[in-house]
Amino acid sequence: MAPDLIYMNPPFEELQDVDHVRHAYEVLAEDGRMISVMAESAFFRQDKKSVGFRIWLKEVGGKSEKLPDGRFKESGTMVNARLVVISK
């Protein structure tokens, strides 16, 4: 049975978050929703994978919101991040 709701915080290294978000969307139930924290890098890099992800996100009607810089400083990282929400 496909999940109706997915919350995730995938690894950011080497654009793994892009792969995880795209895979999660594939297993998400129709009328389901997924919410993920992602690194900011996929939203400004110009490599094929990042550009393709931004195009795909727009095609599926996904939204992203930049989180405040330093949001995860207390967790030991200064990586800038976004919150991505996709409804299927």
PDB file of N, CA and C in Angstrom:
ATOM      1  N   MET A   1       0.847  -1.184   0.000  1.00  0.00           N
ATOM      2  CA  MET A   1       0.000   0.000   0.000  1.00  0.00           C
ATOM      3  C   MET A   1       0.890   1.245   0.000  1.00  0.00           C
ATOM      4  N   ALA A   2       0.608   2.163  -0.876  1.00  0.00           N
ATOM      5  CA  ALA A   2       1.398   3.394  -1.005  1.00  0.00           C
ATOM      6  C   ALA A   2       1.061   4.357   0.129  1.00  0.00           C
ATOM      7  N   PRO A   3       2.079   5.068   0.637  1.00  0.00           N
ATOM      8  CA  PRO A   3       1.822   6.016   1.720  1.00  0.00           C
ATOM      9  C   PRO A   3       1.071   7.259   1.232  1.00  0.00           C
ATOM     10  N   ASP A   4       0.165   7.753   2.083  1.00  0.00           N
ATOM     11  CA  ASP A   4      -0.581   8.981   1.790  1.00  0.00           C
ATOM     12  C   ASP A   4       0.222  10.228   2.126  1.00  0.00           C
ATOM     13  N   LEU A   5       1.167  10.070   3.053  1.00  0.00           N
ATOM     14  CA  LEU A   5       1.941  11.205   3.537  1.00  0.00           C
ATOM     15  C   LEU A   5       3.371  10.769   3.776  1.00  0.00           C
ATOM     16  N   ILE A   6       4.311  11.550   3.260  1.00  0.00           N
ATOM     17  CA  ILE A   6       5.733  11.277   3.463  1.00  0.00           C
ATOM     18  C   ILE A   6       6.388  12.544   3.984  1.00  0.00           C
ATOM     19  N   TYR A   7       7.049  12.421   5.127  1.00  0.00           N
ATOM     20  CA  TYR A   7       7.909  13.477   5.673  1.00  0.00           C
ATOM     21  C   TYR A   7       9.326  12.947   5.593  1.00  0.00           C
ATOM     22  N   MET A   8      10.257  13.746   5.101  1.00  0.00           N
ATOM     23  CA  MET A   8      11.616  13.227   4.996  1.00  0.00           C
ATOM     24  C   MET A   8      12.680  14.313   5.101  1.00  0.00           C
ATOM     25  N   ASN A   9      13.844  13.871   5.524  1.00  0.00           N
ATOM     26  CA  ASN A   9      15.036  14.698   5.609  1.00  0.00           C
ATOM     27  C   ASN A   9      16.181  13.852   5.051  1.00  0.00           C
ATOM     28  N   PRO A  10      16.245  13.747   3.717  1.00  0.00           N
ATOM     29  CA  PRO A  10      17.238  12.870   3.096  1.00  0.00           C
ATOM     30  C   PRO A  10      18.653  13.441   3.204  1.00  0.00           C
ATOM     31  N   PRO A  11      19.652  12.610   2.941  1.00  0.00           N
ATOM     32  CA  PRO A  11      21.029  13.110   2.948  1.00  0.00           C
ATOM     33  C   PRO A  11      21.222  14.119   1.813  1.00  0.00           C
ATOM     34  N   PHE A  12      22.046  15.121   2.071  1.00  0.00           N
ATOM     35  CA  PHE A  12      22.278  16.185   1.095  1.00  0.00           C
ATOM     36  C   PHE A  12      23.493  15.926   0.193  1.00  0.00           C
ATOM     37  N   GLU A  13      24.428  15.093   0.619  1.00  0.00           N
ATOM     38  CA  GLU A  13      25.672  14.900  -0.110  1.00  0.00           C
ATOM     39  C   GLU A  13      25.419  14.446  -1.541  1.00  0.00           C
ATOM     40  N   GLU A  14      26.173  15.055  -2.461  1.00  0.00           N
ATOM     41  CA  GLU A  14      26.158  14.675  -3.877  1.00  0.00           C
ATOM     42  C   GLU A  14      24.742  14.619  -4.463  1.00  0.00           C
ATOM     43  N   LEU A  15      23.903  15.543  -4.044  1.00  0.00           N
ATOM     44  CA  LEU A  15      22.531  15.662  -4.544  1.00  0.00           C
ATOM     45  C   LEU A  15      21.683  14.418  -4.278  1.00  0.00           C
ATOM     46  N   GLN A  16      22.006  13.681  -3.209  1.00  0.00           N
ATOM     47  CA  GLN A  16      21.199  12.513  -2.856  1.00  0.00           C
ATOM     48  C   GLN A  16      19.762  12.920  -2.534  1.00  0.00           C
ATOM     49  N   ASP A  17      19.583  14.144  -2.025  1.00  0.00           N
ATOM     50  CA  ASP A  17      18.233  14.596  -1.699  1.00  0.00           C
ATOM     51  C   ASP A  17      17.347  14.629  -2.939  1.00  0.00           C
ATOM     52  N   VAL A  18      17.914  14.999  -4.075  1.00  0.00           N
ATOM     53  CA  VAL A  18      17.154  15.008  -5.332  1.00  0.00           C
ATOM     54  C   VAL A  18      16.653  13.602  -5.640  1.00  0.00           C
ATOM     55  N   ASP A  19      17.539  12.622  -5.546  1.00  0.00           N
ATOM     56  CA  ASP A  19      17.156  11.237  -5.830  1.00  0.00           C
ATOM     57  C   ASP A  19      16.078  10.749  -4.868  1.00  0.00           C
ATOM     58  N   HIS A  20      16.239  11.056  -3.587  1.00  0.00           N
ATOM     59  CA  HIS A  20      15.279  10.604  -2.580  1.00  0.00           C
ATOM     60  C   HIS A  20      13.899  11.224  -2.804  1.00  0.00           C
ATOM     61  N   VAL A  21      13.853  12.510  -3.107  1.00  0.00           N
ATOM     62  CA  VAL A  21      12.566  13.180  -3.319  1.00  0.00           C
ATOM     63  C   VAL A  21      11.868  12.613  -4.550  1.00  0.00           C
ATOM     64  N   ARG A  22      12.613  12.417  -5.614  1.00  0.00           N
ATOM     65  CA  ARG A  22      11.988  11.873  -6.823  1.00  0.00           C
ATOM     66  C   ARG A  22      11.491  10.443  -6.595  1.00  0.00           C
ATOM     67  N   HIS A  23      12.243   9.644  -5.874  1.00  0.00           N
ATOM     68  CA  HIS A  23      11.803   8.281  -5.577  1.00  0.00           C
ATOM     69  C   HIS A  23      10.564   8.286  -4.672  1.00  0.00           C
ATOM     70  N   ALA A  24      10.589   9.121  -3.650  1.00  0.00           N
ATOM     71  CA  ALA A  24       9.447   9.196  -2.726  1.00  0.00           C
ATOM     72  C   ALA A  24       8.178   9.574  -3.477  1.00  0.00           C
ATOM     73  N   TYR A  25       8.288  10.479  -4.429  1.00  0.00           N
ATOM     74  CA  TYR A  25       7.121  10.865  -5.225  1.00  0.00           C
ATOM     75  C   TYR A  25       6.567   9.661  -5.987  1.00  0.00           C
ATOM     76  N   GLU A  26       7.453   8.832  -6.504  1.00  0.00           N
ATOM     77  CA  GLU A  26       7.017   7.663  -7.269  1.00  0.00           C
ATOM     78  C   GLU A  26       6.219   6.683  -6.413  1.00  0.00           C
ATOM     79  N   VAL A  27       6.556   6.547  -5.132  1.00  0.00           N
ATOM     80  CA  VAL A  27       5.853   5.587  -4.273  1.00  0.00           C
ATOM     81  C   VAL A  27       4.681   6.223  -3.527  1.00  0.00           C
ATOM     82  N   LEU A  28       4.538   7.529  -3.622  1.00  0.00           N
ATOM     83  CA  LEU A  28       3.465   8.247  -2.952  1.00  0.00           C
ATOM     84  C   LEU A  28       2.111   7.893  -3.556  1.00  0.00           C
ATOM     85  N   ALA A  29       1.117   7.709  -2.703  1.00  0.00           N
ATOM     86  CA  ALA A  29      -0.239   7.398  -3.165  1.00  0.00           C
ATOM     87  C   ALA A  29      -0.818   8.562  -3.954  1.00  0.00           C
ATOM     88  N   GLU A  30      -1.718   8.219  -4.876  1.00  0.00           N
ATOM     89  CA  GLU A  30      -2.473   9.272  -5.564  1.00  0.00           C
ATOM     90  C   GLU A  30      -3.198  10.085  -4.486  1.00  0.00           C
ATOM     91  N   ASP A  31      -3.270  11.380  -4.654  1.00  0.00           N
ATOM     92  CA  ASP A  31      -3.847  12.305  -3.669  1.00  0.00           C
ATOM     93  C   ASP A  31      -3.006  12.390  -2.396  1.00  0.00           C
ATOM     94  N   GLY A  32      -1.772  11.877  -2.447  1.00  0.00           N
ATOM     95  CA  GLY A  32      -0.886  11.952  -1.294  1.00  0.00           C
ATOM     96  C   GLY A  32      -0.092  13.248  -1.287  1.00  0.00           C
ATOM     97  N   ARG A  33       0.616  13.468  -0.190  1.00  0.00           N
ATOM     98  CA  ARG A  33       1.441  14.667  -0.041  1.00  0.00           C
ATOM     99  C   ARG A  33       2.771  14.278   0.566  1.00  0.00           C
ATOM    100  N   MET A  34       3.823  14.916   0.076  1.00  0.00           N
ATOM    101  CA  MET A  34       5.146  14.702   0.655  1.00  0.00           C
ATOM    102  C   MET A  34       5.775  16.036   1.002  1.00  0.00           C
ATOM    103  N   ILE A  35       6.523  16.017   2.092  1.00  0.00           N
ATOM    104  CA  ILE A  35       7.213  17.208   2.578  1.00  0.00           C
ATOM    105  C   ILE A  35       8.645  16.793   2.874  1.00  0.00           C
ATOM    106  N   SER A  36       9.591  17.531   2.333  1.00  0.00           N
ATOM    107  CA  SER A  36      10.991  17.183   2.516  1.00  0.00           C
ATOM    108  C   SER A  36      11.843  18.422   2.748  1.00  0.00           C
ATOM    109  N   VAL A  37      12.842  18.264   3.584  1.00  0.00           N
ATOM    110  CA  VAL A  37      13.900  19.256   3.697  1.00  0.00           C
ATOM    111  C   VAL A  37      14.917  18.898   2.617  1.00  0.00           C
ATOM    112  N   MET A  38      15.393  19.898   1.889  1.00  0.00           N
ATOM    113  CA  MET A  38      16.411  19.680   0.864  1.00  0.00           C
ATOM    114  C   MET A  38      17.487  20.745   0.989  1.00  0.00           C
ATOM    115  N   ALA A  39      18.671  20.411   0.544  1.00  0.00           N
ATOM    116  CA  ALA A  39      19.743  21.406   0.483  1.00  0.00           C
ATOM    117  C   ALA A  39      19.391  22.455  -0.561  1.00  0.00           C
ATOM    118  N   GLU A  40      19.860  23.643  -0.359  1.00  0.00           N
ATOM    119  CA  GLU A  40      19.627  24.746  -1.293  1.00  0.00           C
ATOM    120  C   GLU A  40      20.309  24.496  -2.646  1.00  0.00           C
ATOM    121  N   SER A  41      21.346  23.691  -2.670  1.00  0.00           N
ATOM    122  CA  SER A  41      22.182  23.534  -3.866  1.00  0.00           C
ATOM    123  C   SER A  41      21.404  23.122  -5.118  1.00  0.00           C
ATOM    124  N   ALA A  42      20.421  22.262  -4.989  1.00  0.00           N
ATOM    125  CA  ALA A  42      19.664  21.818  -6.169  1.00  0.00           C
ATOM    126  C   ALA A  42      18.844  22.942  -6.785  1.00  0.00           C
ATOM    127  N   PHE A  43      18.726  24.066  -6.088  1.00  0.00           N
ATOM    128  CA  PHE A  43      17.908  25.175  -6.568  1.00  0.00           C
ATOM    129  C   PHE A  43      18.722  26.294  -7.215  1.00  0.00           C
ATOM    130  N   PHE A  44      20.069  26.141  -7.217  1.00  0.00           N
ATOM    131  CA  PHE A  44      20.872  27.146  -7.917  1.00  0.00           C
ATOM    132  C   PHE A  44      21.953  26.547  -8.812  1.00  0.00           C
ATOM    133  N   ARG A  45      22.305  25.296  -8.593  1.00  0.00           N
ATOM    134  CA  ARG A  45      23.334  24.680  -9.431  1.00  0.00           C
ATOM    135  C   ARG A  45      22.829  24.554 -10.864  1.00  0.00           C
ATOM    136  N   GLN A  46      23.774  24.568 -11.814  1.00  0.00           N
ATOM    137  CA  GLN A  46      23.409  24.507 -13.232  1.00  0.00           C
ATOM    138  C   GLN A  46      23.743  23.170 -13.879  1.00  0.00           C
ATOM    139  N   ASP A  47      24.103  22.162 -13.071  1.00  0.00           N
ATOM    140  CA  ASP A  47      24.376  20.844 -13.635  1.00  0.00           C
ATOM    141  C   ASP A  47      23.070  20.204 -14.109  1.00  0.00           C
ATOM    142  N   LYS A  48      23.192  19.176 -14.934  1.00  0.00           N
ATOM    143  CA  LYS A  48      22.031  18.525 -15.552  1.00  0.00           C
ATOM    144  C   LYS A  48      21.028  18.010 -14.512  1.00  0.00           C
ATOM    145  N   LYS A  49      21.523  17.403 -13.451  1.00  0.00           N
ATOM    146  CA  LYS A  49      20.640  16.824 -12.434  1.00  0.00           C
ATOM    147  C   LYS A  49      19.837  17.902 -11.705  1.00  0.00           C
ATOM    148  N   SER A  50      20.480  18.995 -11.344  1.00  0.00           N
ATOM    149  CA  SER A  50      19.790  20.081 -10.626  1.00  0.00           C
ATOM    150  C   SER A  50      18.771  20.781 -11.513  1.00  0.00           C
ATOM    151  N   VAL A  51      19.167  21.100 -12.716  1.00  0.00           N
ATOM    152  CA  VAL A  51      18.248  21.762 -13.652  1.00  0.00           C
ATOM    153  C   VAL A  51      17.058  20.840 -13.944  1.00  0.00           C
ATOM    154  N   GLY A  52      17.338  19.567 -14.175  1.00  0.00           N
ATOM    155  CA  GLY A  52      16.270  18.603 -14.426  1.00  0.00           C
ATOM    156  C   GLY A  52      15.319  18.492 -13.248  1.00  0.00           C
ATOM    157  N   PHE A  53      15.866  18.550 -12.030  1.00  0.00           N
ATOM    158  CA  PHE A  53      15.020  18.472 -10.845  1.00  0.00           C
ATOM    159  C   PHE A  53      14.088  19.679 -10.768  1.00  0.00           C
ATOM    160  N   ARG A  54      14.602  20.867 -11.016  1.00  0.00           N
ATOM    161  CA  ARG A  54      13.765  22.070 -10.955  1.00  0.00           C
ATOM    162  C   ARG A  54      12.648  22.022 -11.999  1.00  0.00           C
ATOM    163  N   ILE A  55      12.975  21.528 -13.180  1.00  0.00           N
ATOM    164  CA  ILE A  55      11.952  21.386 -14.222  1.00  0.00           C
ATOM    165  C   ILE A  55      10.895  20.381 -13.779  1.00  0.00           C
ATOM    166  N   TRP A  56      11.344  19.238 -13.269  1.00  0.00           N
ATOM    167  CA  TRP A  56      10.423  18.195 -12.798  1.00  0.00           C
ATOM    168  C   TRP A  56       9.538  18.711 -11.667  1.00  0.00           C
ATOM    169  N   LEU A  57      10.132  19.427 -10.709  1.00  0.00           N
ATOM    170  CA  LEU A  57       9.373  19.952  -9.576  1.00  0.00           C
ATOM    171  C   LEU A  57       8.251  20.871 -10.060  1.00  0.00           C
ATOM    172  N   LYS A  58       8.549  21.688 -11.026  1.00  0.00           N
ATOM    173  CA  LYS A  58       7.526  22.570 -11.589  1.00  0.00           C
ATOM    174  C   LYS A  58       6.446  21.758 -12.299  1.00  0.00           C
ATOM    175  N   GLU A  59       6.855  20.739 -13.052  1.00  0.00           N
ATOM    176  CA  GLU A  59       5.892  19.902 -13.790  1.00  0.00           C
ATOM    177  C   GLU A  59       4.913  19.193 -12.869  1.00  0.00           C
ATOM    178  N   VAL A  60       5.374  18.755 -11.688  1.00  0.00           N
ATOM    179  CA  VAL A  60       4.484  18.039 -10.767  1.00  0.00           C
ATOM    180  C   VAL A  60       3.762  18.989  -9.818  1.00  0.00           C
ATOM    181  N   GLY A  61       3.984  20.288  -9.991  1.00  0.00           N
ATOM    182  CA  GLY A  61       3.289  21.279  -9.174  1.00  0.00           C
ATOM    183  C   GLY A  61       3.856  21.436  -7.774  1.00  0.00           C
ATOM    184  N   GLY A  62       5.105  21.023  -7.592  1.00  0.00           N
ATOM    185  CA  GLY A  62       5.743  21.146  -6.285  1.00  0.00           C
ATOM    186  C   GLY A  62       6.086  22.584  -5.951  1.00  0.00           C
ATOM    187  N   LYS A  63       6.164  22.850  -4.676  1.00  0.00           N
ATOM    188  CA  LYS A  63       6.512  24.180  -4.170  1.00  0.00           C
ATOM    189  C   LYS A  63       7.727  24.053  -3.264  1.00  0.00           C
ATOM    190  N   SER A  64       8.528  25.106  -3.214  1.00  0.00           N
ATOM    191  CA  SER A  64       9.656  25.115  -2.291  1.00  0.00           C
ATOM    192  C   SER A  64       9.731  26.477  -1.611  1.00  0.00           C
ATOM    193  N   GLU A  65      10.181  26.433  -0.385  1.00  0.00           N
ATOM    194  CA  GLU A  65      10.342  27.656   0.394  1.00  0.00           C
ATOM    195  C   GLU A  65      11.714  27.636   1.048  1.00  0.00           C
ATOM    196  N   LYS A  66      12.490  28.670   0.784  1.00  0.00           N
ATOM    197  CA  LYS A  66      13.822  28.768   1.377  1.00  0.00           C
ATOM    198  C   LYS A  66      13.682  28.972   2.879  1.00  0.00           C
ATOM    199  N   LEU A  67      14.410  28.166   3.630  1.00  0.00           N
ATOM    200  CA  LEU A  67      14.431  28.306   5.084  1.00  0.00           C
ATOM    201  C   LEU A  67      15.471  29.352   5.467  1.00  0.00           C
ATOM    202  N   PRO A  68      15.344  29.978   6.628  1.00  0.00           N
ATOM    203  CA  PRO A  68      16.319  30.987   7.041  1.00  0.00           C
ATOM    204  C   PRO A  68      17.740  30.411   7.076  1.00  0.00           C
ATOM    205  N   ASP A  69      18.711  31.207   6.621  1.00  0.00           N
ATOM    206  CA  ASP A  69      20.110  30.781   6.683  1.00  0.00           C
ATOM    207  C   ASP A  69      20.466  30.404   8.119  1.00  0.00           C
ATOM    208  N   GLY A  70      21.255  29.354   8.258  1.00  0.00           N
ATOM    209  CA  GLY A  70      21.682  28.920   9.583  1.00  0.00           C
ATOM    210  C   GLY A  70      20.602  28.194  10.371  1.00  0.00           C
ATOM    211  N   ARG A  71      19.534  27.790   9.721  1.00  0.00           N
ATOM    212  CA  ARG A  71      18.392  27.174  10.398  1.00  0.00           C
ATOM    213  C   ARG A  71      18.779  25.933  11.199  1.00  0.00           C
ATOM    214  N   PHE A  72      19.788  25.205  10.737  1.00  0.00           N
ATOM    215  CA  PHE A  72      20.175  23.964  11.404  1.00  0.00           C
ATOM    216  C   PHE A  72      21.529  24.075  12.114  1.00  0.00           C
ATOM    217  N   LYS A  73      21.907  25.282  12.445  1.00  0.00           N
ATOM    218  CA  LYS A  73      23.181  25.525  13.121  1.00  0.00           C
ATOM    219  C   LYS A  73      23.278  24.734  14.424  1.00  0.00           C
ATOM    220  N   GLU A  74      22.191  24.694  15.184  1.00  0.00           N
ATOM    221  CA  GLU A  74      22.199  23.973  16.459  1.00  0.00           C
ATOM    222  C   GLU A  74      22.425  22.477  16.267  1.00  0.00           C
ATOM    223  N   SER A  75      22.148  21.974  15.075  1.00  0.00           N
ATOM    224  CA  SER A  75      22.373  20.562  14.778  1.00  0.00           C
ATOM    225  C   SER A  75      23.767  20.307  14.226  1.00  0.00           C
ATOM    226  N   GLY A  76      24.559  21.362  14.145  1.00  0.00           N
ATOM    227  CA  GLY A  76      25.944  21.209  13.715  1.00  0.00           C
ATOM    228  C   GLY A  76      26.204  21.414  12.244  1.00  0.00           C
ATOM    229  N   THR A  77      25.249  22.004  11.520  1.00  0.00           N
ATOM    230  CA  THR A  77      25.476  22.260  10.099  1.00  0.00           C
ATOM    231  C   THR A  77      25.009  23.668   9.735  1.00  0.00           C
ATOM    232  N   MET A  78      25.718  24.249   8.820  1.00  0.00           N
ATOM    233  CA  MET A  78      25.336  25.576   8.310  1.00  0.00           C
ATOM    234  C   MET A  78      24.821  25.488   6.870  1.00  0.00           C
ATOM    235  N   VAL A  79      24.467  24.297   6.429  1.00  0.00           N
ATOM    236  CA  VAL A  79      23.937  24.125   5.076  1.00  0.00           C
ATOM    237  C   VAL A  79      22.605  24.855   4.961  1.00  0.00           C
ATOM    238  N   ASN A  80      22.489  25.666   3.929  1.00  0.00           N
ATOM    239  CA  ASN A  80      21.218  26.332   3.672  1.00  0.00           C
ATOM    240  C   ASN A  80      20.244  25.319   3.091  1.00  0.00           C
ATOM    241  N   ALA A  81      18.975  25.463   3.435  1.00  0.00           N
ATOM    242  CA  ALA A  81      17.998  24.430   3.071  1.00  0.00           C
ATOM    243  C   ALA A  81      16.683  25.031   2.623  1.00  0.00           C
ATOM    244  N   ARG A  82      15.887  24.181   2.034  1.00  0.00           N
ATOM    245  CA  ARG A  82      14.537  24.522   1.593  1.00  0.00           C
ATOM    246  C   ARG A  82      13.570  23.465   2.091  1.00  0.00           C
ATOM    247  N   LEU A  83      12.342  23.859   2.216  1.00  0.00           N
ATOM    248  CA  LEU A  83      11.254  22.933   2.508  1.00  0.00           C
ATOM    249  C   LEU A  83      10.509  22.732   1.190  1.00  0.00           C
ATOM    250  N   VAL A  84      10.372  21.498   0.764  1.00  0.00           N
ATOM    251  CA  VAL A  84       9.715  21.174  -0.495  1.00  0.00           C
ATOM    252  C   VAL A  84       8.414  20.431  -0.182  1.00  0.00           C
ATOM    253  N   VAL A  85       7.324  20.872  -0.807  1.00  0.00           N
ATOM    254  CA  VAL A  85       6.018  20.256  -0.614  1.00  0.00           C
ATOM    255  C   VAL A  85       5.461  19.891  -1.983  1.00  0.00           C
ATOM    256  N   ILE A  86       5.055  18.622  -2.110  1.00  0.00           N
ATOM    257  CA  ILE A  86       4.481  18.148  -3.362  1.00  0.00           C
ATOM    258  C   ILE A  86       3.198  17.380  -3.045  1.00  0.00           C
ATOM    259  N   SER A  87       2.130  17.758  -3.705  1.00  0.00           N
ATOM    260  CA  SER A  87       0.880  17.001  -3.615  1.00  0.00           C
ATOM    261  C   SER A  87       0.705  16.258  -4.932  1.00  0.00           C
ATOM    262  N   LYS A  88       0.297  15.000  -4.840  1.00  0.00           N
ATOM    263  CA  LYS A  88       0.164  14.182  -6.047  1.00  0.00           C
ATOM    264  C   LYS A  88      -1.295  14.130  -6.480  1.00  0.00           C
TER     265      LYS A  88
END
